[in-house]
Amino acid sequence: MAQYIIYFNQQWVGDHPEEWFIPRGPLSRTVVAEMEAAGVVVFAGGLEEEIEAAFGFDESGNEGGPITTNGEFIGGMTIIDVATDEEAKMWGAKVAVACGWPQEVRKFKE
């Protein structure tokens, strides 16, 4: 078994009317419930959407130590523990369909 992260960049969501988003929450929760029933979900959750609430650190070129930088536009993530790349791709595709925007799937190094 290996762990994978399924995530999206908030900028991939695009501009949609509020009505478009209404069914996305229930669809996404259904996929997470399906993952839980299959015993593959380690963690699933959305992140704070306001980029001003996110922060990072960068020490490049700063003799005084790390500096605070703007955060990345990561919108949400799910960590799964599955046997194959194909299974990880399948879950990533289900999340993408439920959310209505692209997802990226990456395997954690062993």
N, C-alpha and C. Protein backbone atom coordinates (compact mmCIF):
# COMPACT_ATOMS: atom_id res chain seq x y z
N MET A 1 0.86 -1.18 0.00
CA MET A 1 0.00 0.00 0.00
C MET A 1 0.90 1.24 0.00
N ALA A 2 0.41 2.27 -0.62
CA ALA A 2 1.15 3.53 -0.69
C ALA A 2 0.16 4.68 -0.50
N GLN A 3 0.68 5.78 0.01
CA GLN A 3 -0.17 6.95 0.20
C GLN A 3 0.01 7.93 -0.96
N TYR A 4 -1.11 8.54 -1.33
CA TYR A 4 -1.16 9.52 -2.40
C TYR A 4 -1.92 10.73 -1.90
N ILE A 5 -1.57 11.88 -2.43
CA ILE A 5 -2.33 13.09 -2.15
C ILE A 5 -3.10 13.46 -3.42
N ILE A 6 -4.35 13.81 -3.24
CA ILE A 6 -5.20 14.32 -4.31
C ILE A 6 -5.50 15.76 -3.91
N TYR A 7 -5.16 16.71 -4.75
CA TYR A 7 -5.37 18.11 -4.36
C TYR A 7 -5.66 18.96 -5.58
N PHE A 8 -6.10 20.18 -5.30
CA PHE A 8 -6.34 21.13 -6.39
C PHE A 8 -5.85 22.51 -6.00
N ASN A 9 -5.52 23.25 -7.02
CA ASN A 9 -5.14 24.64 -6.87
C ASN A 9 -6.42 25.46 -6.95
N GLN A 10 -6.65 26.34 -6.01
CA GLN A 10 -7.89 27.13 -5.97
C GLN A 10 -8.11 27.89 -7.27
N GLN A 11 -7.04 28.25 -7.96
CA GLN A 11 -7.17 28.98 -9.22
C GLN A 11 -7.73 28.10 -10.33
N TRP A 12 -7.70 26.77 -10.17
CA TRP A 12 -8.27 25.87 -11.17
C TRP A 12 -9.78 25.83 -11.13
N VAL A 13 -10.38 26.34 -10.06
CA VAL A 13 -11.82 26.26 -9.88
C VAL A 13 -12.55 27.07 -10.94
N GLY A 14 -12.05 28.24 -11.24
CA GLY A 14 -12.70 29.09 -12.25
C GLY A 14 -13.85 29.88 -11.66
N ASP A 15 -14.37 30.74 -12.48
CA ASP A 15 -15.49 31.59 -12.08
C ASP A 15 -16.81 30.93 -12.45
N HIS A 16 -17.62 30.71 -11.44
CA HIS A 16 -18.92 30.09 -11.64
C HIS A 16 -19.94 30.83 -10.78
N PRO A 17 -21.20 30.84 -11.19
CA PRO A 17 -22.23 31.43 -10.34
C PRO A 17 -22.43 30.58 -9.08
N GLU A 18 -22.92 31.19 -8.04
CA GLU A 18 -23.10 30.49 -6.76
C GLU A 18 -23.93 29.21 -6.91
N GLU A 19 -24.93 29.24 -7.79
CA GLU A 19 -25.79 28.07 -7.99
C GLU A 19 -24.98 26.86 -8.49
N TRP A 20 -23.91 27.11 -9.23
CA TRP A 20 -23.10 26.03 -9.77
C TRP A 20 -22.43 25.25 -8.64
N PHE A 21 -22.05 25.94 -7.56
CA PHE A 21 -21.33 25.32 -6.45
C PHE A 21 -22.24 24.52 -5.52
N ILE A 22 -23.51 24.82 -5.48
CA ILE A 22 -24.43 24.21 -4.50
C ILE A 22 -24.38 22.68 -4.52
N PRO A 23 -24.44 22.01 -5.68
CA PRO A 23 -24.40 20.54 -5.63
C PRO A 23 -23.00 19.96 -5.42
N ARG A 24 -21.96 20.76 -5.53
CA ARG A 24 -20.59 20.24 -5.45
C ARG A 24 -20.24 19.71 -4.06
N GLY A 25 -20.70 20.37 -3.01
CA GLY A 25 -20.42 19.91 -1.65
C GLY A 25 -20.97 18.52 -1.40
N PRO A 26 -22.26 18.29 -1.66
CA PRO A 26 -22.80 16.94 -1.45
C PRO A 26 -22.12 15.88 -2.33
N LEU A 27 -21.80 16.23 -3.58
CA LEU A 27 -21.12 15.27 -4.46
C LEU A 27 -19.75 14.91 -3.90
N SER A 28 -19.03 15.91 -3.43
CA SER A 28 -17.69 15.66 -2.87
C SER A 28 -17.77 14.84 -1.59
N ARG A 29 -18.72 15.17 -0.73
CA ARG A 29 -18.88 14.40 0.51
C ARG A 29 -19.25 12.94 0.21
N THR A 30 -20.00 12.71 -0.85
CA THR A 30 -20.36 11.35 -1.24
C THR A 30 -19.11 10.56 -1.64
N VAL A 31 -18.21 11.19 -2.39
CA VAL A 31 -16.97 10.51 -2.79
C VAL A 31 -16.11 10.21 -1.56
N VAL A 32 -16.03 11.15 -0.63
CA VAL A 32 -15.24 10.91 0.58
C VAL A 32 -15.87 9.77 1.38
N ALA A 33 -17.20 9.74 1.47
CA ALA A 33 -17.87 8.64 2.17
C ALA A 33 -17.59 7.31 1.49
N GLU A 34 -17.53 7.32 0.15
CA GLU A 34 -17.20 6.11 -0.60
C GLU A 34 -15.76 5.66 -0.29
N MET A 35 -14.85 6.63 -0.20
CA MET A 35 -13.46 6.32 0.16
C MET A 35 -13.38 5.74 1.56
N GLU A 36 -14.13 6.33 2.49
CA GLU A 36 -14.14 5.83 3.87
C GLU A 36 -14.67 4.41 3.91
N ALA A 37 -15.74 4.14 3.17
CA ALA A 37 -16.32 2.79 3.13
C ALA A 37 -15.33 1.78 2.54
N ALA A 38 -14.51 2.24 1.59
CA ALA A 38 -13.51 1.37 0.98
C ALA A 38 -12.26 1.24 1.85
N GLY A 39 -12.19 2.04 2.91
CA GLY A 39 -11.05 1.98 3.83
C GLY A 39 -9.77 2.57 3.28
N VAL A 40 -9.88 3.54 2.34
CA VAL A 40 -8.68 4.10 1.73
C VAL A 40 -8.36 5.53 2.17
N VAL A 41 -9.32 6.23 2.75
CA VAL A 41 -9.08 7.64 3.08
C VAL A 41 -8.29 7.75 4.38
N VAL A 42 -7.23 8.55 4.34
CA VAL A 42 -6.43 8.87 5.53
C VAL A 42 -6.87 10.22 6.07
N PHE A 43 -7.09 11.17 5.16
CA PHE A 43 -7.53 12.52 5.52
C PHE A 43 -8.18 13.15 4.32
N ALA A 44 -9.21 13.96 4.56
CA ALA A 44 -9.83 14.74 3.49
C ALA A 44 -10.33 16.05 4.09
N GLY A 45 -10.06 17.15 3.41
CA GLY A 45 -10.56 18.42 3.90
C GLY A 45 -10.22 19.58 2.98
N GLY A 46 -11.04 20.59 3.08
CA GLY A 46 -10.80 21.82 2.34
C GLY A 46 -9.91 22.74 3.17
N LEU A 47 -9.29 23.67 2.50
CA LEU A 47 -8.42 24.63 3.17
C LEU A 47 -9.03 26.02 3.10
N GLU A 48 -8.59 26.88 3.97
CA GLU A 48 -9.02 28.28 3.97
C GLU A 48 -8.85 28.84 2.56
N GLU A 49 -9.91 29.43 2.01
CA GLU A 49 -9.87 29.91 0.64
C GLU A 49 -9.18 31.26 0.47
N GLU A 50 -9.17 32.06 1.50
CA GLU A 50 -8.58 33.41 1.38
C GLU A 50 -7.07 33.31 1.41
N ILE A 51 -6.43 33.70 0.32
CA ILE A 51 -4.97 33.60 0.22
C ILE A 51 -4.29 34.46 1.28
N GLU A 52 -4.94 35.52 1.71
CA GLU A 52 -4.36 36.38 2.75
C GLU A 52 -4.22 35.64 4.08
N ALA A 53 -4.98 34.57 4.26
CA ALA A 53 -4.90 33.79 5.50
C ALA A 53 -3.82 32.71 5.43
N ALA A 54 -3.23 32.53 4.25
CA ALA A 54 -2.18 31.52 4.08
C ALA A 54 -0.82 32.20 4.13
N PHE A 55 0.17 31.47 4.58
CA PHE A 55 1.52 32.03 4.62
C PHE A 55 2.53 30.92 4.45
N GLY A 56 3.70 31.31 3.99
CA GLY A 56 4.80 30.38 3.80
C GLY A 56 6.07 31.06 4.27
N PHE A 57 7.18 30.37 4.16
CA PHE A 57 8.45 30.93 4.60
C PHE A 57 9.50 30.71 3.54
N ASP A 58 10.38 31.68 3.39
CA ASP A 58 11.44 31.60 2.39
C ASP A 58 12.68 32.23 2.97
N GLU A 59 13.78 31.51 2.97
CA GLU A 59 15.01 32.08 3.52
C GLU A 59 15.96 32.56 2.44
N SER A 60 15.59 32.41 1.18
CA SER A 60 16.51 32.76 0.10
C SER A 60 16.87 34.24 0.14
N GLY A 61 18.16 34.50 0.24
CA GLY A 61 18.67 35.86 0.20
C GLY A 61 18.39 36.69 1.44
N ASN A 62 18.00 36.06 2.52
CA ASN A 62 17.67 36.82 3.72
C ASN A 62 18.64 36.42 4.83
N GLU A 63 19.55 37.32 5.13
CA GLU A 63 20.55 37.02 6.17
C GLU A 63 19.95 37.00 7.57
N GLY A 64 18.80 37.62 7.74
CA GLY A 64 18.16 37.66 9.05
C GLY A 64 17.30 36.45 9.35
N GLY A 65 17.29 35.49 8.49
CA GLY A 65 16.48 34.29 8.71
C GLY A 65 15.30 34.25 7.74
N PRO A 66 14.42 33.29 7.93
CA PRO A 66 13.29 33.12 7.02
C PRO A 66 12.38 34.36 6.99
N ILE A 67 11.81 34.61 5.82
CA ILE A 67 10.83 35.68 5.69
C ILE A 67 9.47 35.04 5.39
N THR A 68 8.43 35.71 5.79
CA THR A 68 7.07 35.24 5.52
C THR A 68 6.70 35.62 4.10
N THR A 69 6.11 34.68 3.38
CA THR A 69 5.69 34.94 2.00
C THR A 69 4.19 34.65 1.87
N ASN A 70 3.63 35.03 0.74
CA ASN A 70 2.24 34.68 0.46
C ASN A 70 2.12 33.18 0.33
N GLY A 71 0.98 32.66 0.69
CA GLY A 71 0.76 31.23 0.59
C GLY A 71 0.42 30.80 -0.83
N GLU A 72 0.33 29.51 -1.03
CA GLU A 72 -0.07 28.95 -2.31
C GLU A 72 -1.59 28.87 -2.37
N PHE A 73 -2.11 28.72 -3.54
CA PHE A 73 -3.55 28.67 -3.74
C PHE A 73 -4.10 27.24 -3.70
N ILE A 74 -3.64 26.43 -2.75
CA ILE A 74 -4.15 25.07 -2.62
C ILE A 74 -5.53 25.15 -1.95
N GLY A 75 -6.52 24.54 -2.58
CA GLY A 75 -7.88 24.68 -2.09
C GLY A 75 -8.36 23.55 -1.20
N GLY A 76 -7.89 22.36 -1.41
CA GLY A 76 -8.31 21.21 -0.61
C GLY A 76 -7.46 20.02 -0.95
N MET A 77 -7.50 19.03 -0.07
CA MET A 77 -6.68 17.85 -0.33
C MET A 77 -7.28 16.63 0.34
N THR A 78 -6.93 15.49 -0.22
CA THR A 78 -7.33 14.20 0.31
C THR A 78 -6.09 13.31 0.27
N ILE A 79 -5.86 12.60 1.33
CA ILE A 79 -4.76 11.63 1.35
C ILE A 79 -5.39 10.25 1.42
N ILE A 80 -4.97 9.40 0.49
CA ILE A 80 -5.50 8.04 0.43
C ILE A 80 -4.36 7.04 0.54
N ASP A 81 -4.69 5.84 0.95
CA ASP A 81 -3.74 4.75 1.08
C ASP A 81 -4.28 3.60 0.24
N VAL A 82 -3.66 3.39 -0.93
CA VAL A 82 -4.16 2.39 -1.88
C VAL A 82 -3.02 1.52 -2.39
N ALA A 83 -3.38 0.44 -3.08
CA ALA A 83 -2.39 -0.54 -3.52
C ALA A 83 -1.69 -0.18 -4.82
N THR A 84 -2.36 0.56 -5.71
CA THR A 84 -1.79 0.78 -7.04
C THR A 84 -1.98 2.22 -7.51
N ASP A 85 -1.15 2.60 -8.49
CA ASP A 85 -1.32 3.90 -9.14
C ASP A 85 -2.69 3.99 -9.79
N GLU A 86 -3.15 2.90 -10.37
CA GLU A 86 -4.45 2.90 -11.06
C GLU A 86 -5.59 3.20 -10.09
N GLU A 87 -5.50 2.63 -8.89
CA GLU A 87 -6.53 2.90 -7.89
C GLU A 87 -6.48 4.37 -7.46
N ALA A 88 -5.29 4.92 -7.30
CA ALA A 88 -5.15 6.34 -6.95
C ALA A 88 -5.73 7.22 -8.05
N LYS A 89 -5.47 6.86 -9.30
CA LYS A 89 -6.02 7.63 -10.43
C LYS A 89 -7.55 7.57 -10.44
N MET A 90 -8.09 6.40 -10.14
CA MET A 90 -9.54 6.25 -10.11
C MET A 90 -10.17 7.16 -9.08
N TRP A 91 -9.58 7.21 -7.87
CA TRP A 91 -10.12 8.09 -6.83
C TRP A 91 -9.93 9.55 -7.20
N GLY A 92 -8.78 9.89 -7.78
CA GLY A 92 -8.56 11.27 -8.23
C GLY A 92 -9.59 11.70 -9.26
N ALA A 93 -9.92 10.81 -10.18
CA ALA A 93 -10.93 11.11 -11.19
C ALA A 93 -12.30 11.30 -10.56
N LYS A 94 -12.65 10.48 -9.57
CA LYS A 94 -13.94 10.62 -8.89
C LYS A 94 -14.03 11.97 -8.17
N VAL A 95 -12.94 12.37 -7.53
CA VAL A 95 -12.93 13.67 -6.85
C VAL A 95 -13.08 14.80 -7.87
N ALA A 96 -12.37 14.69 -9.00
CA ALA A 96 -12.44 15.73 -10.03
C ALA A 96 -13.86 15.87 -10.58
N VAL A 97 -14.52 14.76 -10.82
CA VAL A 97 -15.89 14.81 -11.33
C VAL A 97 -16.82 15.43 -10.30
N ALA A 98 -16.68 15.02 -9.03
CA ALA A 98 -17.54 15.56 -7.98
C ALA A 98 -17.34 17.06 -7.79
N CYS A 99 -16.08 17.50 -7.81
CA CYS A 99 -15.78 18.91 -7.59
C CYS A 99 -16.10 19.75 -8.83
N GLY A 100 -15.86 19.18 -9.99
CA GLY A 100 -16.08 19.93 -11.22
C GLY A 100 -14.87 20.71 -11.69
N TRP A 101 -13.70 20.38 -11.15
CA TRP A 101 -12.46 21.01 -11.60
C TRP A 101 -11.31 20.02 -11.44
N PRO A 102 -10.17 20.32 -12.09
CA PRO A 102 -9.06 19.37 -12.10
C PRO A 102 -8.51 19.06 -10.71
N GLN A 103 -7.96 17.87 -10.60
CA GLN A 103 -7.27 17.42 -9.39
C GLN A 103 -5.91 16.89 -9.81
N GLU A 104 -4.95 17.02 -8.94
CA GLU A 104 -3.64 16.42 -9.19
C GLU A 104 -3.46 15.29 -8.18
N VAL A 105 -2.86 14.19 -8.62
CA VAL A 105 -2.60 13.04 -7.76
C VAL A 105 -1.10 12.81 -7.74
N ARG A 106 -0.54 12.74 -6.53
CA ARG A 106 0.90 12.49 -6.37
C ARG A 106 1.11 11.44 -5.28
N LYS A 107 2.05 10.57 -5.54
CA LYS A 107 2.41 9.52 -4.58
C LYS A 107 3.47 10.08 -3.62
N PHE A 108 3.30 9.78 -2.34
CA PHE A 108 4.32 10.14 -1.38
C PHE A 108 5.51 9.21 -1.58
N LYS A 109 6.71 9.75 -1.44
CA LYS A 109 7.90 8.92 -1.55
C LYS A 109 7.94 7.91 -0.41
N GLU A 110 8.44 6.76 -0.75
CA GLU A 110 8.53 5.70 0.28
C GLU A 110 9.84 5.78 0.99
